[in-house]
């Protein structure tokens, strides 16, 4: 019986870990200059606006990395412990308060 209880516990922990890896972002993030705006939706879509032009892409979150896929291109951002997102060339995206 101990083996079964241990096996069930291991399976539950593995399922929990997989769920945590597929975390979603939700909300709006902007750079300090306001040139870039990222609107993350819980369905895996992100709307990236740069100087008035908006593109829809898909995103995933894995191992503190935010991967944004646009066609065949994938750009990888770092999800920081303070909730900010660090992008290419040191760009820092900060979460915006909901209105």
C-alpha atoms as a PDB file:
ATOM      1  CA  UNK A   1       0.000   0.000   0.000  1.00  0.00           C
ATOM      2  CA  UNK A   2       2.864   2.382   0.695  1.00  0.00           C
ATOM      3  CA  UNK A   3       4.128   1.956  -2.850  1.00  0.00           C
ATOM      4  CA  UNK A   4       0.773   2.951  -4.285  1.00  0.00           C
ATOM      5  CA  UNK A   5       0.470   6.000  -2.042  1.00  0.00           C
ATOM      6  CA  UNK A   6       3.993   7.090  -2.996  1.00  0.00           C
ATOM      7  CA  UNK A   7       3.306   6.521  -6.685  1.00  0.00           C
ATOM      8  CA  UNK A   8       0.094   8.557  -6.495  1.00  0.00           C
ATOM      9  CA  UNK A   9       1.947  11.371  -4.734  1.00  0.00           C
ATOM     10  CA  UNK A  10       4.661  11.382  -7.407  1.00  0.00           C
ATOM     11  CA  UNK A  11       2.062  11.479 -10.191  1.00  0.00           C
ATOM     12  CA  UNK A  12       0.226  14.343  -8.501  1.00  0.00           C
ATOM     13  CA  UNK A  13       3.452  16.336  -8.117  1.00  0.00           C
ATOM     14  CA  UNK A  14       4.360  15.693 -11.760  1.00  0.00           C
ATOM     15  CA  UNK A  15       0.931  16.903 -12.900  1.00  0.00           C
ATOM     16  CA  UNK A  16       1.258  19.998 -10.733  1.00  0.00           C
ATOM     17  CA  UNK A  17       4.706  20.744 -12.174  1.00  0.00           C
ATOM     18  CA  UNK A  18       3.411  20.443 -15.741  1.00  0.00           C
ATOM     19  CA  UNK A  19       0.552  22.778 -14.953  1.00  0.00           C
ATOM     20  CA  UNK A  20       2.952  25.340 -13.509  1.00  0.00           C
ATOM     21  CA  UNK A  21       5.122  25.191 -16.624  1.00  0.00           C
ATOM     22  CA  UNK A  22       2.241  26.163 -18.886  1.00  0.00           C
ATOM     23  CA  UNK A  23       1.447  29.323 -16.928  1.00  0.00           C
ATOM     24  CA  UNK A  24      -0.296  32.139 -18.765  1.00  0.00           C
ATOM     25  CA  UNK A  25       0.201  35.848 -18.460  1.00  0.00           C
ATOM     26  CA  UNK A  26      -2.686  38.233 -18.447  1.00  0.00           C
ATOM     27  CA  UNK A  27      -2.669  41.999 -18.631  1.00  0.00           C
ATOM     28  CA  UNK A  28      -0.919  44.895 -20.306  1.00  0.00           C
ATOM     29  CA  UNK A  29       2.835  45.517 -20.201  1.00  0.00           C
ATOM     30  CA  UNK A  30       4.621  48.625 -21.512  1.00  0.00           C
ATOM     31  CA  UNK A  31       8.168  49.918 -21.813  1.00  0.00           C
ATOM     32  CA  UNK A  32       9.173  53.132 -20.004  1.00  0.00           C
ATOM     33  CA  UNK A  33       8.919  55.241 -23.160  1.00  0.00           C
ATOM     34  CA  UNK A  34       5.488  53.909 -24.081  1.00  0.00           C
ATOM     35  CA  UNK A  35       6.664  52.834 -27.532  1.00  0.00           C
ATOM     36  CA  UNK A  36       5.828  49.166 -27.006  1.00  0.00           C
ATOM     37  CA  UNK A  37       2.663  47.704 -25.507  1.00  0.00           C
ATOM     38  CA  UNK A  38       2.007  43.987 -25.014  1.00  0.00           C
ATOM     39  CA  UNK A  39      -1.504  42.828 -24.144  1.00  0.00           C
ATOM     40  CA  UNK A  40      -1.391  39.229 -22.911  1.00  0.00           C
ATOM     41  CA  UNK A  41      -4.647  37.275 -22.930  1.00  0.00           C
ATOM     42  CA  UNK A  42      -5.286  34.096 -20.934  1.00  0.00           C
ATOM     43  CA  UNK A  43      -6.091  32.198 -24.157  1.00  0.00           C
ATOM     44  CA  UNK A  44      -2.445  32.354 -25.296  1.00  0.00           C
ATOM     45  CA  UNK A  45      -2.802  35.363 -27.599  1.00  0.00           C
ATOM     46  CA  UNK A  46      -0.720  38.507 -27.252  1.00  0.00           C
ATOM     47  CA  UNK A  47      -1.285  41.798 -29.053  1.00  0.00           C
ATOM     48  CA  UNK A  48       1.975  43.649 -29.629  1.00  0.00           C
ATOM     49  CA  UNK A  49       1.659  47.356 -30.460  1.00  0.00           C
ATOM     50  CA  UNK A  50       4.638  49.357 -31.685  1.00  0.00           C
ATOM     51  CA  UNK A  51       4.153  52.978 -32.649  1.00  0.00           C
ATOM     52  CA  UNK A  52       0.468  52.488 -33.479  1.00  0.00           C
ATOM     53  CA  UNK A  53       0.813  49.193 -35.366  1.00  0.00           C
ATOM     54  CA  UNK A  54      -0.633  46.123 -33.625  1.00  0.00           C
ATOM     55  CA  UNK A  55       0.130  42.501 -34.448  1.00  0.00           C
ATOM     56  CA  UNK A  56      -1.504  39.417 -32.988  1.00  0.00           C
ATOM     57  CA  UNK A  57       0.797  36.567 -31.957  1.00  0.00           C
ATOM     58  CA  UNK A  58       0.756  33.461 -29.769  1.00  0.00           C
ATOM     59  CA  UNK A  59       2.727  33.121 -26.558  1.00  0.00           C
ATOM     60  CA  UNK A  60       3.719  30.468 -24.048  1.00  0.00           C
ATOM     61  CA  UNK A  61       5.438  30.667 -20.669  1.00  0.00           C
ATOM     62  CA  UNK A  62       8.037  28.013 -19.856  1.00  0.00           C
ATOM     63  CA  UNK A  63      10.747  28.055 -17.205  1.00  0.00           C
ATOM     64  CA  UNK A  64      10.501  31.814 -16.603  1.00  0.00           C
ATOM     65  CA  UNK A  65      10.703  32.441 -20.359  1.00  0.00           C
ATOM     66  CA  UNK A  66       7.965  34.106 -22.387  1.00  0.00           C
ATOM     67  CA  UNK A  67       8.081  32.830 -25.957  1.00  0.00           C
ATOM     68  CA  UNK A  68       6.215  34.930 -28.508  1.00  0.00           C
ATOM     69  CA  UNK A  69       5.652  33.242 -31.849  1.00  0.00           C
ATOM     70  CA  UNK A  70       4.826  35.218 -34.966  1.00  0.00           C
ATOM     71  CA  UNK A  71       4.747  32.923 -37.988  1.00  0.00           C
ATOM     72  CA  UNK A  72       8.017  30.985 -37.969  1.00  0.00           C
ATOM     73  CA  UNK A  73       9.778  33.558 -35.761  1.00  0.00           C
ATOM     74  CA  UNK A  74      10.020  33.043 -31.992  1.00  0.00           C
ATOM     75  CA  UNK A  75      11.282  35.794 -29.702  1.00  0.00           C
ATOM     76  CA  UNK A  76      12.215  34.798 -26.165  1.00  0.00           C
ATOM     77  CA  UNK A  77      11.772  37.191 -23.226  1.00  0.00           C
ATOM     78  CA  UNK A  78      12.799  36.680 -19.583  1.00  0.00           C
ATOM     79  CA  UNK A  79      10.096  36.749 -16.924  1.00  0.00           C
ATOM     80  CA  UNK A  80      11.711  38.512 -13.957  1.00  0.00           C
ATOM     81  CA  UNK A  81      10.980  37.764 -10.295  1.00  0.00           C
ATOM     82  CA  UNK A  82       9.547  41.281  -9.818  1.00  0.00           C
ATOM     83  CA  UNK A  83       6.886  40.669 -12.511  1.00  0.00           C
ATOM     84  CA  UNK A  84       8.588  42.627 -15.276  1.00  0.00           C
ATOM     85  CA  UNK A  85       9.526  41.108 -18.632  1.00  0.00           C
ATOM     86  CA  UNK A  86      13.010  41.666 -20.058  1.00  0.00           C
ATOM     87  CA  UNK A  87      13.147  41.656 -23.833  1.00  0.00           C
ATOM     88  CA  UNK A  88      15.681  41.998 -26.624  1.00  0.00           C
ATOM     89  CA  UNK A  89      18.358  44.676 -26.237  1.00  0.00           C
ATOM     90  CA  UNK A  90      17.509  45.081 -22.550  1.00  0.00           C
ATOM     91  CA  UNK A  91      13.981  46.393 -23.150  1.00  0.00           C
ATOM     92  CA  UNK A  92      12.018  46.189 -19.893  1.00  0.00           C
ATOM     93  CA  UNK A  93       8.251  45.752 -19.977  1.00  0.00           C
ATOM     94  CA  UNK A  94       6.374  46.666 -16.808  1.00  0.00           C
ATOM     95  CA  UNK A  95       2.874  45.493 -15.874  1.00  0.00           C
ATOM     96  CA  UNK A  96       0.301  48.267 -16.101  1.00  0.00           C
ATOM     97  CA  UNK A  97      -2.518  48.758 -13.612  1.00  0.00           C
ATOM     98  CA  UNK A  98      -5.960  47.803 -14.879  1.00  0.00           C
ATOM     99  CA  UNK A  99      -8.252  50.702 -15.649  1.00  0.00           C
END
